[in-house]
Amino acid sequence: MSGPKPEMMRTDVHAHLWSEDYLRLLESYGREGTATQRGLGAGDSPAELDARSR
């Protein structure tokens, strides 16, 4: 088979993870607004991880 090769499409698949330990660390350094991350359902609790992997 000759001719031009078809272009490949790439898809970036990733997820953010905001563990409570990490958010507390950010707060200890003066970071404000961590409630936003807590409200995303992107924590490391078993329930959040299970819900995200469906």
N, C-alpha and C. Protein backbone atom coordinates (compact mmCIF):
# COMPACT_ATOMS: atom_id res chain seq x y z
N MET A 1 0.85 -1.18 0.00
CA MET A 1 0.00 0.00 0.00
C MET A 1 0.89 1.23 0.00
N SER A 2 0.67 2.11 -0.91
CA SER A 2 1.47 3.32 -0.98
C SER A 2 0.57 4.53 -0.81
N GLY A 3 1.18 5.65 -0.71
CA GLY A 3 0.41 6.88 -0.56
C GLY A 3 0.59 7.47 0.82
N PRO A 4 -0.04 8.60 1.07
CA PRO A 4 0.12 9.27 2.38
C PRO A 4 -0.49 8.45 3.51
N LYS A 5 0.15 8.54 4.63
CA LYS A 5 -0.37 7.86 5.82
C LYS A 5 -1.48 8.71 6.43
N PRO A 6 -2.53 8.07 6.94
CA PRO A 6 -3.60 8.84 7.57
C PRO A 6 -3.10 9.50 8.85
N GLU A 7 -3.62 10.67 9.14
CA GLU A 7 -3.25 11.36 10.37
C GLU A 7 -3.83 10.62 11.57
N MET A 8 -3.07 10.61 12.64
CA MET A 8 -3.55 9.98 13.88
C MET A 8 -4.19 11.05 14.76
N MET A 9 -5.24 10.66 15.41
CA MET A 9 -5.89 11.56 16.35
C MET A 9 -5.49 11.14 17.75
N ARG A 10 -5.07 12.10 18.55
CA ARG A 10 -4.69 11.82 19.93
C ARG A 10 -5.71 12.46 20.86
N THR A 11 -6.05 11.72 21.88
CA THR A 11 -7.00 12.22 22.87
C THR A 11 -6.31 12.24 24.22
N ASP A 12 -6.33 13.36 24.88
CA ASP A 12 -5.74 13.50 26.21
C ASP A 12 -6.80 13.10 27.24
N VAL A 13 -6.55 12.00 27.91
CA VAL A 13 -7.48 11.53 28.93
C VAL A 13 -6.73 11.54 30.26
N HIS A 14 -7.20 12.36 31.16
CA HIS A 14 -6.59 12.43 32.48
C HIS A 14 -7.64 12.88 33.50
N ALA A 15 -7.27 12.76 34.73
CA ALA A 15 -8.19 13.17 35.80
C ALA A 15 -7.41 13.92 36.87
N HIS A 16 -8.03 14.87 37.47
CA HIS A 16 -7.42 15.59 38.59
C HIS A 16 -7.74 14.84 39.87
N LEU A 17 -6.81 14.86 40.80
CA LEU A 17 -7.00 14.21 42.09
C LEU A 17 -6.61 15.21 43.17
N TRP A 18 -7.54 15.53 44.04
CA TRP A 18 -7.32 16.48 45.11
C TRP A 18 -7.54 15.78 46.44
N SER A 19 -6.52 15.11 46.97
CA SER A 19 -6.67 14.41 48.25
C SER A 19 -6.83 15.42 49.38
N GLU A 20 -7.47 15.00 50.44
CA GLU A 20 -7.64 15.89 51.60
C GLU A 20 -6.29 16.28 52.18
N ASP A 21 -5.35 15.35 52.21
CA ASP A 21 -4.01 15.67 52.73
C ASP A 21 -3.36 16.78 51.90
N TYR A 22 -3.48 16.69 50.59
CA TYR A 22 -2.89 17.71 49.72
C TYR A 22 -3.58 19.05 49.91
N LEU A 23 -4.90 19.05 49.99
CA LEU A 23 -5.62 20.31 50.18
C LEU A 23 -5.28 20.94 51.52
N ARG A 24 -5.13 20.13 52.56
CA ARG A 24 -4.72 20.67 53.87
C ARG A 24 -3.31 21.26 53.80
N LEU A 25 -2.43 20.61 53.04
CA LEU A 25 -1.08 21.13 52.87
C LEU A 25 -1.11 22.49 52.18
N LEU A 26 -1.91 22.60 51.13
CA LEU A 26 -2.05 23.90 50.45
C LEU A 26 -2.54 24.97 51.41
N GLU A 27 -3.53 24.62 52.23
CA GLU A 27 -4.07 25.57 53.21
C GLU A 27 -3.00 25.98 54.22
N SER A 28 -2.15 25.05 54.61
CA SER A 28 -1.09 25.36 55.58
C SER A 28 -0.09 26.36 55.03
N TYR A 29 0.01 26.43 53.70
CA TYR A 29 0.88 27.41 53.04
C TYR A 29 0.14 28.69 52.68
N GLY A 30 -1.11 28.81 53.15
CA GLY A 30 -1.87 30.03 52.95
C GLY A 30 -2.80 30.02 51.74
N ARG A 31 -2.91 28.91 51.08
CA ARG A 31 -3.80 28.82 49.90
C ARG A 31 -5.25 28.95 50.36
N GLU A 32 -6.00 29.80 49.67
CA GLU A 32 -7.42 29.96 49.95
C GLU A 32 -8.22 29.38 48.80
N GLY A 33 -9.46 29.06 49.02
CA GLY A 33 -10.33 28.59 47.95
C GLY A 33 -10.28 27.10 47.69
N THR A 34 -9.79 26.32 48.63
CA THR A 34 -9.73 24.88 48.40
C THR A 34 -11.11 24.23 48.44
N ALA A 35 -12.11 24.95 48.89
CA ALA A 35 -13.47 24.41 48.88
C ALA A 35 -13.92 24.10 47.45
N THR A 36 -13.41 24.87 46.50
CA THR A 36 -13.74 24.62 45.10
C THR A 36 -13.28 23.24 44.68
N GLN A 37 -12.05 22.88 45.01
CA GLN A 37 -11.53 21.56 44.67
C GLN A 37 -12.28 20.46 45.40
N ARG A 38 -12.64 20.72 46.65
CA ARG A 38 -13.38 19.71 47.42
C ARG A 38 -14.75 19.44 46.82
N GLY A 39 -15.33 20.42 46.17
CA GLY A 39 -16.66 20.26 45.62
C GLY A 39 -16.71 19.63 44.23
N LEU A 40 -15.56 19.26 43.68
CA LEU A 40 -15.51 18.70 42.33
C LEU A 40 -15.74 17.20 42.27
N GLY A 41 -15.70 16.52 43.41
CA GLY A 41 -15.79 15.06 43.39
C GLY A 41 -14.49 14.43 42.91
N ALA A 42 -13.39 15.13 43.08
CA ALA A 42 -12.09 14.66 42.60
C ALA A 42 -11.17 14.26 43.75
N GLY A 43 -11.76 13.83 44.85
CA GLY A 43 -10.97 13.40 46.00
C GLY A 43 -10.50 11.97 45.86
N ASP A 44 -9.81 11.50 46.90
CA ASP A 44 -9.28 10.14 46.85
C ASP A 44 -10.04 9.16 47.74
N SER A 45 -11.25 9.53 48.12
CA SER A 45 -12.05 8.60 48.92
C SER A 45 -12.52 7.45 48.03
N PRO A 46 -12.74 6.28 48.61
CA PRO A 46 -13.21 5.15 47.80
C PRO A 46 -14.48 5.47 47.01
N ALA A 47 -15.40 6.20 47.61
CA ALA A 47 -16.66 6.52 46.92
C ALA A 47 -16.40 7.43 45.71
N GLU A 48 -15.54 8.44 45.87
CA GLU A 48 -15.27 9.34 44.75
C GLU A 48 -14.52 8.63 43.63
N LEU A 49 -13.53 7.81 43.99
CA LEU A 49 -12.79 7.06 42.97
C LEU A 49 -13.69 6.09 42.22
N ASP A 50 -14.59 5.43 42.97
CA ASP A 50 -15.51 4.49 42.33
C ASP A 50 -16.44 5.21 41.36
N ALA A 51 -16.97 6.35 41.79
CA ALA A 51 -17.88 7.10 40.93
C ALA A 51 -17.20 7.60 39.67
N ARG A 52 -15.94 7.93 39.77
CA ARG A 52 -15.21 8.46 38.60
C ARG A 52 -14.77 7.38 37.63
N SER A 53 -14.70 6.16 38.09
CA SER A 53 -14.20 5.10 37.22
C SER A 53 -15.32 4.37 36.48
N ARG A 54 -16.52 4.84 36.60
CA ARG A 54 -17.66 4.21 35.91
C ARG A 54 -17.80 4.71 34.51
